[in-house]
Amino acid sequence: MSYINLPENNVELRLIEYDHEQFLKDREEEIITTSENVVKINTIFSDLANIVSSQQDNIDDIENNITSSLSKTEDGVVQLNKAKNYQKITNKCCLYLLCFVLFFLFLIILYVFLL
């Protein structure tokens, strides 16, 4: 049969109680420090979440601007193609008109010289 050896004198018992009380105080201080650190980390994560949220708004604005510029660029390409077609038609009309005027002048000059 085994027995727990308890200190025989009062001094040893007080030292054990003091060590136990010191251990509990140290543990309580560590718990308080850990709690304060958790609160600080929570604050940091809250600030980080706010920053990410505000940056998300900026990213959304950039995305909307890119989408808008793509749409406007496509519209611009369509307008340039229309202008190119109108330019071709105008050039053809001017060429036909020039040919008609030259032909008409040729007929006038020919008529003048033949008379």
C-alpha atoms as a PDB file:
ATOM      1  CA  MET A   1       0.000   0.000   0.000  1.00  0.00           C
ATOM      2  CA  SER A   2       1.334   3.419  -0.933  1.00  0.00           C
ATOM      3  CA  TYR A   3       0.748   6.604   0.862  1.00  0.00           C
ATOM      4  CA  ILE A   4       1.036  10.161  -0.314  1.00  0.00           C
ATOM      5  CA  ASN A   5       3.867  11.827   1.427  1.00  0.00           C
ATOM      6  CA  LEU A   6       2.659  15.079   2.815  1.00  0.00           C
ATOM      7  CA  PRO A   7       5.106  17.607   4.130  1.00  0.00           C
ATOM      8  CA  GLU A   8       5.646  17.244   7.757  1.00  0.00           C
ATOM      9  CA  ASN A   9       6.244  20.799   8.748  1.00  0.00           C
ATOM     10  CA  ASN A  10       4.309  23.913   8.193  1.00  0.00           C
ATOM     11  CA  VAL A  11       7.071  25.692   6.194  1.00  0.00           C
ATOM     12  CA  GLU A  12       7.052  23.132   3.429  1.00  0.00           C
ATOM     13  CA  LEU A  13       3.267  23.281   3.228  1.00  0.00           C
ATOM     14  CA  ARG A  14       3.394  27.055   2.934  1.00  0.00           C
ATOM     15  CA  LEU A  15       5.999  26.830   0.180  1.00  0.00           C
ATOM     16  CA  ILE A  16       3.800  24.432  -1.748  1.00  0.00           C
ATOM     17  CA  GLU A  17       0.807  26.731  -1.280  1.00  0.00           C
ATOM     18  CA  TYR A  18       2.914  29.714  -2.371  1.00  0.00           C
ATOM     19  CA  ASP A  19       4.121  27.846  -5.465  1.00  0.00           C
ATOM     20  CA  HIS A  20       0.555  26.827  -6.243  1.00  0.00           C
ATOM     21  CA  GLU A  21      -0.720  30.399  -5.767  1.00  0.00           C
ATOM     22  CA  GLN A  22       2.142  31.749  -7.898  1.00  0.00           C
ATOM     23  CA  PHE A  23       1.333  29.193 -10.588  1.00  0.00           C
ATOM     24  CA  LEU A  24      -2.339  30.256 -10.565  1.00  0.00           C
ATOM     25  CA  LYS A  25      -1.406  33.963 -10.714  1.00  0.00           C
ATOM     26  CA  ASP A  26       0.981  33.317 -13.611  1.00  0.00           C
ATOM     27  CA  ARG A  27      -1.663  31.288 -15.381  1.00  0.00           C
ATOM     28  CA  GLU A  28      -4.256  34.024 -14.850  1.00  0.00           C
ATOM     29  CA  GLU A  29      -1.834  36.630 -16.255  1.00  0.00           C
ATOM     30  CA  GLU A  30      -1.180  34.442 -19.302  1.00  0.00           C
ATOM     31  CA  ILE A  31      -4.922  34.003 -19.837  1.00  0.00           C
ATOM     32  CA  ILE A  32      -5.441  37.775 -19.605  1.00  0.00           C
ATOM     33  CA  THR A  33      -2.537  38.389 -22.018  1.00  0.00           C
ATOM     34  CA  THR A  34      -3.920  35.794 -24.426  1.00  0.00           C
ATOM     35  CA  SER A  35      -7.367  37.377 -24.187  1.00  0.00           C
ATOM     36  CA  GLU A  36      -5.934  40.820 -24.949  1.00  0.00           C
ATOM     37  CA  ASN A  37      -3.998  39.383 -27.894  1.00  0.00           C
ATOM     38  CA  VAL A  38      -7.176  37.766 -29.222  1.00  0.00           C
ATOM     39  CA  VAL A  39      -8.959  41.128 -29.004  1.00  0.00           C
ATOM     40  CA  LYS A  40      -6.062  42.790 -30.879  1.00  0.00           C
ATOM     41  CA  ILE A  41      -6.139  40.092 -33.562  1.00  0.00           C
ATOM     42  CA  ASN A  42      -9.904  40.511 -33.856  1.00  0.00           C
ATOM     43  CA  THR A  43      -9.406  44.257 -34.371  1.00  0.00           C
ATOM     44  CA  ILE A  44      -6.743  43.624 -36.991  1.00  0.00           C
ATOM     45  CA  PHE A  45      -8.998  41.198 -38.872  1.00  0.00           C
ATOM     46  CA  SER A  46     -11.891  43.670 -38.703  1.00  0.00           C
ATOM     47  CA  ASP A  47      -9.669  46.416 -40.148  1.00  0.00           C
ATOM     48  CA  LEU A  48      -8.450  44.009 -42.821  1.00  0.00           C
ATOM     49  CA  ALA A  49     -12.040  43.096 -43.704  1.00  0.00           C
ATOM     50  CA  ASN A  50     -12.887  46.807 -44.053  1.00  0.00           C
ATOM     51  CA  ILE A  51      -9.871  47.382 -46.298  1.00  0.00           C
ATOM     52  CA  VAL A  52     -10.752  44.378 -48.453  1.00  0.00           C
ATOM     53  CA  SER A  53     -14.344  45.586 -48.690  1.00  0.00           C
ATOM     54  CA  SER A  54     -13.310  49.077 -49.802  1.00  0.00           C
ATOM     55  CA  GLN A  55     -10.850  47.593 -52.299  1.00  0.00           C
ATOM     56  CA  GLN A  56     -13.607  45.322 -53.604  1.00  0.00           C
ATOM     57  CA  ASP A  57     -15.634  48.441 -54.442  1.00  0.00           C
ATOM     58  CA  ASN A  58     -12.653  49.791 -56.383  1.00  0.00           C
ATOM     59  CA  ILE A  59     -12.219  46.492 -58.192  1.00  0.00           C
ATOM     60  CA  ASP A  60     -15.915  46.458 -59.078  1.00  0.00           C
ATOM     61  CA  ASP A  61     -15.576  50.000 -60.467  1.00  0.00           C
ATOM     62  CA  ILE A  62     -12.580  48.945 -62.550  1.00  0.00           C
ATOM     63  CA  GLU A  63     -14.459  45.907 -63.834  1.00  0.00           C
ATOM     64  CA  ASN A  64     -17.448  48.072 -64.785  1.00  0.00           C
ATOM     65  CA  ASN A  65     -15.148  50.539 -66.566  1.00  0.00           C
ATOM     66  CA  ILE A  66     -13.490  47.717 -68.512  1.00  0.00           C
ATOM     67  CA  THR A  67     -16.867  46.315 -69.536  1.00  0.00           C
ATOM     68  CA  SER A  68     -18.043  49.773 -70.553  1.00  0.00           C
ATOM     69  CA  SER A  69     -14.893  50.486 -72.562  1.00  0.00           C
ATOM     70  CA  LEU A  70     -15.209  47.120 -74.324  1.00  0.00           C
ATOM     71  CA  SER A  71     -18.782  47.938 -75.307  1.00  0.00           C
ATOM     72  CA  LYS A  72     -17.844  51.422 -76.484  1.00  0.00           C
ATOM     73  CA  THR A  73     -14.856  50.069 -78.419  1.00  0.00           C
ATOM     74  CA  GLU A  74     -17.083  47.579 -80.202  1.00  0.00           C
ATOM     75  CA  ASP A  75     -19.507  50.406 -81.030  1.00  0.00           C
ATOM     76  CA  GLY A  76     -16.563  52.446 -82.317  1.00  0.00           C
ATOM     77  CA  VAL A  77     -15.454  49.594 -84.587  1.00  0.00           C
ATOM     78  CA  VAL A  78     -18.971  49.373 -86.009  1.00  0.00           C
ATOM     79  CA  GLN A  79     -18.985  53.144 -86.644  1.00  0.00           C
ATOM     80  CA  LEU A  80     -15.556  52.971 -88.308  1.00  0.00           C
ATOM     81  CA  ASN A  81     -16.753  50.171 -90.606  1.00  0.00           C
ATOM     82  CA  LYS A  82     -19.802  52.268 -91.539  1.00  0.00           C
ATOM     83  CA  ALA A  83     -17.559  55.276 -92.219  1.00  0.00           C
ATOM     84  CA  LYS A  84     -15.271  53.109 -94.360  1.00  0.00           C
ATOM     85  CA  ASN A  85     -18.247  51.911 -96.427  1.00  0.00           C
ATOM     86  CA  TYR A  86     -19.554  55.473 -96.817  1.00  0.00           C
ATOM     87  CA  GLN A  87     -16.051  56.581 -97.849  1.00  0.00           C
ATOM     88  CA  LYS A  88     -15.948  53.875-100.542  1.00  0.00           C
ATOM     89  CA  ILE A  89     -19.380  54.877-101.825  1.00  0.00           C
ATOM     90  CA  THR A  90     -18.425  58.558-101.819  1.00  0.00           C
ATOM     91  CA  ASN A  91     -15.161  57.843-103.639  1.00  0.00           C
ATOM     92  CA  LYS A  92     -17.004  55.798-106.272  1.00  0.00           C
ATOM     93  CA  CYS A  93     -19.578  58.572-106.754  1.00  0.00           C
ATOM     94  CA  CYS A  94     -16.825  61.181-107.092  1.00  0.00           C
ATOM     95  CA  LEU A  95     -14.985  58.982-109.605  1.00  0.00           C
ATOM     96  CA  TYR A  96     -18.151  58.450-111.652  1.00  0.00           C
ATOM     97  CA  LEU A  97     -18.910  62.184-111.533  1.00  0.00           C
ATOM     98  CA  LEU A  98     -15.355  63.019-112.599  1.00  0.00           C
ATOM     99  CA  CYS A  99     -15.577  60.535-115.472  1.00  0.00           C
ATOM    100  CA  PHE A 100     -18.919  62.004-116.528  1.00  0.00           C
ATOM    101  CA  VAL A 101     -17.555  65.564-116.383  1.00  0.00           C
ATOM    102  CA  LEU A 102     -14.459  64.581-118.370  1.00  0.00           C
ATOM    103  CA  PHE A 103     -16.576  62.763-120.912  1.00  0.00           C
ATOM    104  CA  PHE A 104     -18.902  65.764-121.168  1.00  0.00           C
ATOM    105  CA  LEU A 105     -15.904  68.119-121.576  1.00  0.00           C
ATOM    106  CA  PHE A 106     -14.456  65.803-124.208  1.00  0.00           C
ATOM    107  CA  LEU A 107     -17.743  65.944-126.114  1.00  0.00           C
ATOM    108  CA  ILE A 108     -17.838  69.748-125.859  1.00  0.00           C
ATOM    109  CA  ILE A 109     -14.237  70.058-127.039  1.00  0.00           C
ATOM    110  CA  LEU A 110     -14.880  67.597-129.864  1.00  0.00           C
ATOM    111  CA  TYR A 111     -18.019  69.470-130.886  1.00  0.00           C
ATOM    112  CA  VAL A 112     -16.150  72.821-130.842  1.00  0.00           C
ATOM    113  CA  PHE A 113     -13.309  71.520-133.015  1.00  0.00           C
ATOM    114  CA  LEU A 114     -15.554  69.749-135.457  1.00  0.00           C
ATOM    115  CA  LEU A 115     -17.582  72.823-136.184  1.00  0.00           C
END
